[in-house]
Amino acid sequence: MLLLKFVCAVLTRALFLLLALLAVWRVCLVKNHHWFWLLTVLFTPLLLETIITLKRSKGQEYKWFSPAILFFLISIIPSIWILELHHQESKSSDPQCKKLDSWNSVKSMVESFNATHGNDTLKRLEDILSIVCPNDWILTLHQCLLILLILGKWLLPLGGGLTRDELSQLLLIFVGTAADILEFTSETLSDVKDKSPQLVYIILAVWTWSMLQFPLHLSVVTSRPDESVEKEEEEKQTGCCRCVLIERHSTDIWNIVESLFIQDGPFLVVRLMVMAYFKVFHQMLLFFAIKNFLVVILNLYRLVVICLDAKPSARPSSPTL
């Protein structure tokens, strides 16, 4: 069992490094400058974390926080920023590039790779990958990043008191969060017209901020139901029932905080800014703005309900005999 945990810890971090290295290689290719290989310096925190974690805790994670995921984001997000900004500055697409929009396109790329003669497999693979359209490259990196974050958290060994039940809840939250983030970046960045660098910076900044949900695991902080009931019965007479109720609803409170300040709140602000300031309007943008608005309102309503539930009710004292 210990060997399996060790293998999972090493394999997950190796996949993190591989995707980050692929992103740096793409930056060097589009920028046509070898100085961008210096981005690999950002891999150092993840490498150090791997050594320290494997040596001290045998690869086990913490309950509230995942350093491996945080350092993985630090290693790959700058490369995605550079690719996004470069693509927005030079949107003239190469007519010879290959789009990954059908099985025929993917099949033709595989066939061309197999048909290429030569012993240098890496060089042949580089030539094939370099002809993929920039927009498809960026979208693929976004998708692989989010999928690897979910799979990586699943593969990383449990530790710090995180139960399998809490991990399953966290993974389900990650899936929904990843879908919303991908929809935000793909839909909103596609609305950028006439080379608006301010909007690109705003969208990428909000996207980076929303990615902080993955290394933080505060939304799975739960108290045991039996313990909460016992504490509530014991402290009902002492006026401390409010603390017990807040503790019992800690998961809901953290979910509300993340939605309001990290995801749906910032997403709503950006979409309203796109419609009001940048004069961009279409049906899907309006729909997603309404969706974010509803989520914000419902979370505020839920917060009010929790606060009212935590307010101690005035109860008449029973007469003493």
Protein backbone atom coordinates (compact mmCIF):
# COMPACT_ATOMS: atom_id res chain seq x y z
CA MET A 1 0.00 0.00 0.00
CA LEU A 2 2.86 2.36 0.81
CA LEU A 3 4.47 1.60 -2.54
CA LEU A 4 1.20 2.41 -4.35
CA LYS A 5 0.95 5.77 -2.59
CA PHE A 6 4.54 6.55 -3.54
CA VAL A 7 3.94 5.66 -7.20
CA CYS A 8 0.73 7.73 -7.35
CA ALA A 9 2.47 10.74 -5.78
CA VAL A 10 5.39 10.57 -8.24
CA LEU A 11 3.18 9.85 -11.27
CA THR A 12 0.86 12.78 -10.56
CA ARG A 13 3.69 15.26 -10.23
CA ALA A 14 5.38 13.85 -13.33
CA LEU A 15 2.18 14.50 -15.32
CA PHE A 16 2.07 18.03 -13.91
CA LEU A 17 5.63 18.68 -15.05
CA LEU A 18 5.03 17.12 -18.46
CA LEU A 19 2.06 19.37 -19.24
CA ALA A 20 3.89 22.45 -17.96
CA LEU A 21 6.90 21.53 -20.12
CA LEU A 22 4.64 21.14 -23.15
CA ALA A 23 3.22 24.62 -22.53
CA VAL A 24 6.73 26.11 -22.31
CA TRP A 25 7.72 24.36 -25.55
CA ARG A 26 4.68 25.87 -27.28
CA VAL A 27 5.64 29.35 -26.01
CA CYS A 28 9.16 28.95 -27.39
CA LEU A 29 7.72 27.84 -30.73
CA VAL A 30 5.25 30.70 -31.20
CA LYS A 31 7.64 33.34 -29.86
CA ASN A 32 10.55 31.88 -31.83
CA HIS A 33 13.01 32.64 -29.05
CA HIS A 34 14.93 30.23 -26.83
CA TRP A 35 14.98 32.67 -23.91
CA PHE A 36 11.47 31.52 -23.03
CA TRP A 37 12.91 28.21 -21.88
CA LEU A 38 13.70 30.18 -18.73
CA LEU A 39 10.06 29.63 -17.82
CA THR A 40 11.16 26.18 -16.69
CA VAL A 41 12.65 27.91 -13.64
CA LEU A 42 9.07 28.03 -12.36
CA PHE A 43 9.20 24.23 -12.11
CA THR A 44 11.63 24.53 -9.17
CA PRO A 45 8.98 24.91 -6.41
CA LEU A 46 7.13 21.82 -7.65
CA LEU A 47 10.35 19.80 -7.77
CA LEU A 48 11.32 20.88 -4.26
CA GLU A 49 7.81 20.15 -2.99
CA THR A 50 8.00 16.68 -4.53
CA ILE A 51 11.27 15.88 -2.77
CA ILE A 52 10.13 17.26 0.59
CA THR A 53 6.70 15.60 0.46
CA LEU A 54 8.06 12.21 -0.55
CA LYS A 55 10.72 12.36 2.15
CA ARG A 56 8.63 13.64 5.07
CA SER A 57 5.05 12.47 4.52
CA LYS A 58 5.54 9.69 1.95
CA GLY A 59 3.58 11.67 -0.67
CA GLN A 60 0.46 12.26 1.45
CA GLU A 61 -1.49 15.49 0.96
CA TYR A 62 -2.84 17.96 3.48
CA LYS A 63 -6.54 18.27 4.23
CA TRP A 64 -7.05 21.99 3.65
CA PHE A 65 -4.40 22.74 1.04
CA SER A 66 -2.52 21.05 -1.81
CA PRO A 67 0.98 22.50 -2.40
CA ALA A 68 1.52 20.27 -5.45
CA ILE A 69 -1.51 21.72 -7.25
CA LEU A 70 -0.55 25.29 -6.31
CA PHE A 71 3.01 24.89 -7.62
CA PHE A 72 1.67 23.20 -10.76
CA LEU A 73 -0.51 26.24 -11.43
CA ILE A 74 2.47 28.52 -10.84
CA SER A 75 4.50 26.54 -13.39
CA ILE A 76 1.91 26.57 -16.19
CA ILE A 77 -0.23 29.71 -15.84
CA PRO A 78 2.48 32.16 -17.06
CA SER A 79 2.88 30.10 -20.26
CA ILE A 80 -0.87 30.18 -20.92
CA TRP A 81 -0.88 33.95 -20.33
CA ILE A 82 1.86 34.40 -22.93
CA LEU A 83 0.07 32.18 -25.45
CA GLU A 84 -3.27 33.95 -24.96
CA LEU A 85 -1.76 37.43 -25.30
CA HIS A 86 0.26 36.42 -28.34
CA HIS A 87 -2.83 34.94 -29.98
CA GLN A 88 -4.86 38.10 -29.34
CA GLU A 89 -2.09 40.30 -30.76
CA SER A 90 -1.77 38.26 -33.96
CA LYS A 91 -5.13 36.75 -34.71
CA SER A 92 -4.40 36.19 -38.39
CA SER A 93 -4.56 32.42 -38.52
CA ASP A 94 -2.37 30.37 -40.80
CA PRO A 95 -4.52 28.82 -43.56
CA GLN A 96 -2.20 25.79 -43.56
CA CYS A 97 -2.74 25.00 -39.86
CA LYS A 98 -4.67 21.93 -38.82
CA LYS A 99 -7.88 22.38 -36.85
CA LEU A 100 -8.82 19.77 -34.27
CA ASP A 101 -12.53 20.10 -34.99
CA SER A 102 -13.24 16.65 -36.44
CA TRP A 103 -12.08 13.05 -36.33
CA ASN A 104 -10.88 13.36 -39.91
CA SER A 105 -8.47 16.13 -38.93
CA VAL A 106 -7.03 14.11 -36.08
CA LYS A 107 -6.84 11.01 -38.28
CA SER A 108 -5.00 12.89 -41.01
CA MET A 109 -2.43 14.13 -38.48
CA VAL A 110 -1.84 10.60 -37.20
CA GLU A 111 -1.51 9.28 -40.74
CA SER A 112 0.95 12.02 -41.67
CA PHE A 113 3.01 11.17 -38.58
CA ASN A 114 3.09 7.49 -39.51
CA ALA A 115 3.90 8.29 -43.12
CA THR A 116 6.86 10.52 -42.22
CA HIS A 117 10.14 8.72 -42.71
CA GLY A 118 13.09 9.13 -40.41
CA ASN A 119 14.42 7.85 -37.13
CA ASP A 120 14.04 11.07 -35.12
CA THR A 121 10.62 10.42 -33.59
CA LEU A 122 10.69 13.54 -31.40
CA LYS A 123 11.43 15.75 -34.40
CA ARG A 124 8.58 14.20 -36.36
CA LEU A 125 6.23 14.67 -33.44
CA GLU A 126 7.33 18.30 -33.07
CA ASP A 127 6.65 18.97 -36.75
CA ILE A 128 3.16 17.49 -36.47
CA LEU A 129 2.26 19.41 -33.31
CA SER A 130 3.61 22.69 -34.69
CA ILE A 131 1.03 22.78 -37.50
CA VAL A 132 -1.95 22.72 -35.12
CA CYS A 133 -3.87 26.02 -35.15
CA PRO A 134 -3.01 28.37 -32.24
CA ASN A 135 -6.57 28.61 -30.97
CA ASP A 136 -6.85 24.81 -30.82
CA TRP A 137 -3.51 24.62 -29.01
CA ILE A 138 -4.62 27.08 -26.33
CA LEU A 139 -7.99 25.41 -25.88
CA THR A 140 -6.29 22.02 -25.56
CA LEU A 141 -3.97 23.35 -22.87
CA HIS A 142 -6.94 24.77 -20.94
CA GLN A 143 -8.78 21.45 -21.18
CA CYS A 144 -5.77 19.31 -20.26
CA LEU A 145 -4.99 21.61 -17.33
CA LEU A 146 -8.47 21.27 -15.84
CA ILE A 147 -8.71 17.53 -16.47
CA LEU A 148 -5.27 16.93 -14.97
CA LEU A 149 -6.18 18.97 -11.87
CA ILE A 150 -9.17 16.68 -11.25
CA LEU A 151 -7.32 13.44 -12.01
CA GLY A 152 -4.28 14.63 -10.09
CA LYS A 153 -6.27 15.34 -6.96
CA TRP A 154 -7.88 11.91 -7.30
CA LEU A 155 -4.50 10.16 -7.66
CA LEU A 156 -2.68 12.06 -4.92
CA PRO A 157 -2.54 10.03 -1.69
CA LEU A 158 -4.97 11.04 1.04
CA GLY A 159 -3.55 12.67 4.13
CA GLY A 160 -4.18 15.05 6.96
CA GLY A 161 -7.54 13.59 7.93
CA LEU A 162 -9.21 13.95 4.53
CA THR A 163 -11.67 11.07 4.20
CA ARG A 164 -12.74 9.33 1.01
CA ASP A 165 -16.22 10.79 1.43
CA GLU A 166 -14.80 14.32 1.56
CA LEU A 167 -12.53 13.55 -1.41
CA SER A 168 -15.51 12.38 -3.49
CA GLN A 169 -17.36 15.61 -2.63
CA LEU A 170 -14.28 17.64 -3.54
CA LEU A 171 -13.86 15.90 -6.90
CA LEU A 172 -17.51 16.54 -7.79
CA ILE A 173 -17.04 20.20 -6.90
CA PHE A 174 -13.90 20.28 -9.05
CA VAL A 175 -15.78 18.90 -12.08
CA GLY A 176 -18.46 21.58 -11.88
CA THR A 177 -15.90 24.30 -11.23
CA ALA A 178 -13.73 23.20 -14.16
CA ALA A 179 -16.71 23.24 -16.55
CA ASP A 180 -17.68 26.78 -15.50
CA ILE A 181 -14.11 28.07 -15.77
CA LEU A 182 -13.59 26.55 -19.23
CA GLU A 183 -16.89 27.98 -20.43
CA PHE A 184 -15.90 31.40 -19.05
CA THR A 185 -12.52 31.56 -20.76
CA SER A 186 -13.57 30.06 -24.10
CA GLU A 187 -16.79 32.06 -24.45
CA THR A 188 -15.56 35.39 -23.08
CA LEU A 189 -12.19 35.45 -24.85
CA SER A 190 -13.96 34.69 -28.12
CA ASP A 191 -15.85 37.97 -27.64
CA VAL A 192 -12.63 39.99 -27.73
CA LYS A 193 -12.70 42.04 -30.91
CA ASP A 194 -10.55 44.79 -32.41
CA LYS A 195 -7.60 43.73 -30.27
CA SER A 196 -8.81 44.94 -26.85
CA PRO A 197 -5.81 44.25 -24.60
CA GLN A 198 -7.55 45.62 -21.50
CA LEU A 199 -10.32 43.04 -21.76
CA VAL A 200 -7.83 40.22 -22.33
CA TYR A 201 -5.88 41.17 -19.21
CA ILE A 202 -9.09 41.38 -17.15
CA ILE A 203 -10.33 37.99 -18.33
CA LEU A 204 -6.98 36.29 -17.73
CA ALA A 205 -6.68 37.89 -14.29
CA VAL A 206 -10.14 36.66 -13.26
CA TRP A 207 -9.37 33.23 -14.73
CA THR A 208 -6.13 33.05 -12.71
CA TRP A 209 -7.97 34.12 -9.56
CA SER A 210 -10.65 31.45 -10.10
CA MET A 211 -8.00 28.72 -10.41
CA LEU A 212 -7.13 29.23 -6.74
CA GLN A 213 -10.14 27.07 -5.87
CA PHE A 214 -8.21 23.94 -6.84
CA PRO A 215 -5.34 24.04 -4.31
CA LEU A 216 -7.75 25.15 -1.55
CA HIS A 217 -10.03 22.49 -0.06
CA LEU A 218 -12.03 24.64 2.35
CA SER A 219 -15.35 23.64 0.77
CA VAL A 220 -15.07 20.13 2.26
CA VAL A 221 -14.66 21.31 5.83
CA THR A 222 -17.44 19.45 7.61
CA SER A 223 -18.18 18.57 11.15
CA ARG A 224 -19.50 15.16 12.00
CA PRO A 225 -23.33 15.23 12.13
CA ASP A 226 -23.50 13.21 15.35
CA GLU A 227 -21.01 15.46 17.07
CA SER A 228 -22.92 18.58 15.99
CA VAL A 229 -26.18 17.20 17.38
CA GLU A 230 -24.53 16.28 20.68
CA LYS A 231 -22.89 19.70 21.00
CA GLU A 232 -26.15 21.42 20.16
CA GLU A 233 -27.97 19.48 22.87
CA GLU A 234 -25.24 20.17 25.41
CA GLU A 235 -24.86 23.88 24.65
CA LYS A 236 -28.50 24.68 24.02
CA GLN A 237 -28.89 25.96 27.55
CA THR A 238 -25.64 27.98 27.55
CA GLY A 239 -26.42 30.25 24.57
CA CYS A 240 -23.68 28.79 22.36
CA CYS A 241 -26.04 27.14 19.89
CA ARG A 242 -25.14 29.75 17.25
CA CYS A 243 -21.54 28.53 17.13
CA VAL A 244 -22.71 24.95 16.72
CA LEU A 245 -25.03 25.86 13.85
CA ILE A 246 -22.32 27.84 12.08
CA GLU A 247 -19.94 24.91 12.48
CA ARG A 248 -22.57 22.54 11.10
CA HIS A 249 -23.05 24.79 8.05
CA SER A 250 -19.31 25.43 7.52
CA THR A 251 -19.33 23.60 4.17
CA ASP A 252 -22.20 25.75 2.89
CA ILE A 253 -20.52 28.93 4.13
CA TRP A 254 -17.22 28.15 2.38
CA ASN A 255 -19.07 27.23 -0.83
CA ILE A 256 -20.87 30.58 -0.68
CA VAL A 257 -17.61 32.46 -0.11
CA GLU A 258 -15.90 30.74 -3.04
CA SER A 259 -18.85 31.37 -5.35
CA LEU A 260 -19.26 35.05 -4.42
CA PHE A 261 -15.62 36.10 -4.35
CA ILE A 262 -13.70 33.61 -6.52
CA GLN A 263 -16.02 32.34 -9.25
CA ASP A 264 -19.57 33.48 -10.00
CA GLY A 265 -19.17 36.97 -8.53
CA PRO A 266 -16.08 37.90 -10.60
CA PHE A 267 -17.50 36.12 -13.68
CA LEU A 268 -20.68 38.21 -13.43
CA VAL A 269 -18.70 41.45 -13.09
CA VAL A 270 -16.60 40.63 -16.17
CA ARG A 271 -19.63 39.74 -18.30
CA LEU A 272 -21.47 42.89 -17.29
CA MET A 273 -18.34 44.88 -18.13
CA VAL A 274 -18.12 43.20 -21.55
CA MET A 275 -21.74 44.12 -22.31
CA ALA A 276 -21.76 47.63 -20.80
CA TYR A 277 -18.28 49.01 -21.46
CA PHE A 278 -17.04 47.06 -24.47
CA LYS A 279 -20.48 47.01 -26.18
CA VAL A 280 -20.43 43.28 -26.86
CA PHE A 281 -23.80 41.54 -26.74
CA HIS A 282 -25.13 38.21 -27.90
CA GLN A 283 -27.54 35.58 -26.68
CA MET A 284 -25.06 33.23 -25.00
CA LEU A 285 -23.28 36.06 -23.18
CA LEU A 286 -26.62 37.26 -21.78
CA PHE A 287 -27.56 33.71 -20.74
CA PHE A 288 -24.34 33.08 -18.83
CA ALA A 289 -24.56 36.51 -17.19
CA ILE A 290 -28.09 35.68 -15.99
CA LYS A 291 -26.84 32.30 -14.76
CA ASN A 292 -24.06 33.93 -12.73
CA PHE A 293 -26.53 36.49 -11.37
CA LEU A 294 -28.92 33.75 -10.25
CA VAL A 295 -26.12 31.81 -8.56
CA VAL A 296 -25.00 34.96 -6.69
CA ILE A 297 -28.54 35.78 -5.58
CA LEU A 298 -29.24 32.19 -4.47
CA ASN A 299 -25.99 32.07 -2.51
CA LEU A 300 -26.87 35.32 -0.75
CA TYR A 301 -30.31 33.90 0.02
CA ARG A 302 -28.69 30.74 1.40
CA LEU A 303 -26.37 32.86 3.56
CA VAL A 304 -29.34 34.75 5.00
CA VAL A 305 -31.08 31.47 5.79
CA ILE A 306 -27.99 30.18 7.63
CA CYS A 307 -27.70 33.43 9.62
CA LEU A 308 -31.37 33.32 10.60
CA ASP A 309 -31.00 29.67 11.56
CA ALA A 310 -28.02 30.53 13.74
CA LYS A 311 -29.88 33.32 15.55
CA PRO A 312 -30.91 32.05 19.01
CA SER A 313 -34.65 31.92 19.42
CA ALA A 314 -36.28 33.33 22.50
CA ARG A 315 -37.71 30.43 24.48
CA PRO A 316 -39.87 30.83 27.59
CA SER A 317 -38.24 29.43 30.68
CA SER A 318 -40.02 26.44 32.17
CA PRO A 319 -41.46 26.99 35.63
CA THR A 320 -39.61 25.33 38.43
CA LEU A 321 -41.56 23.03 40.70
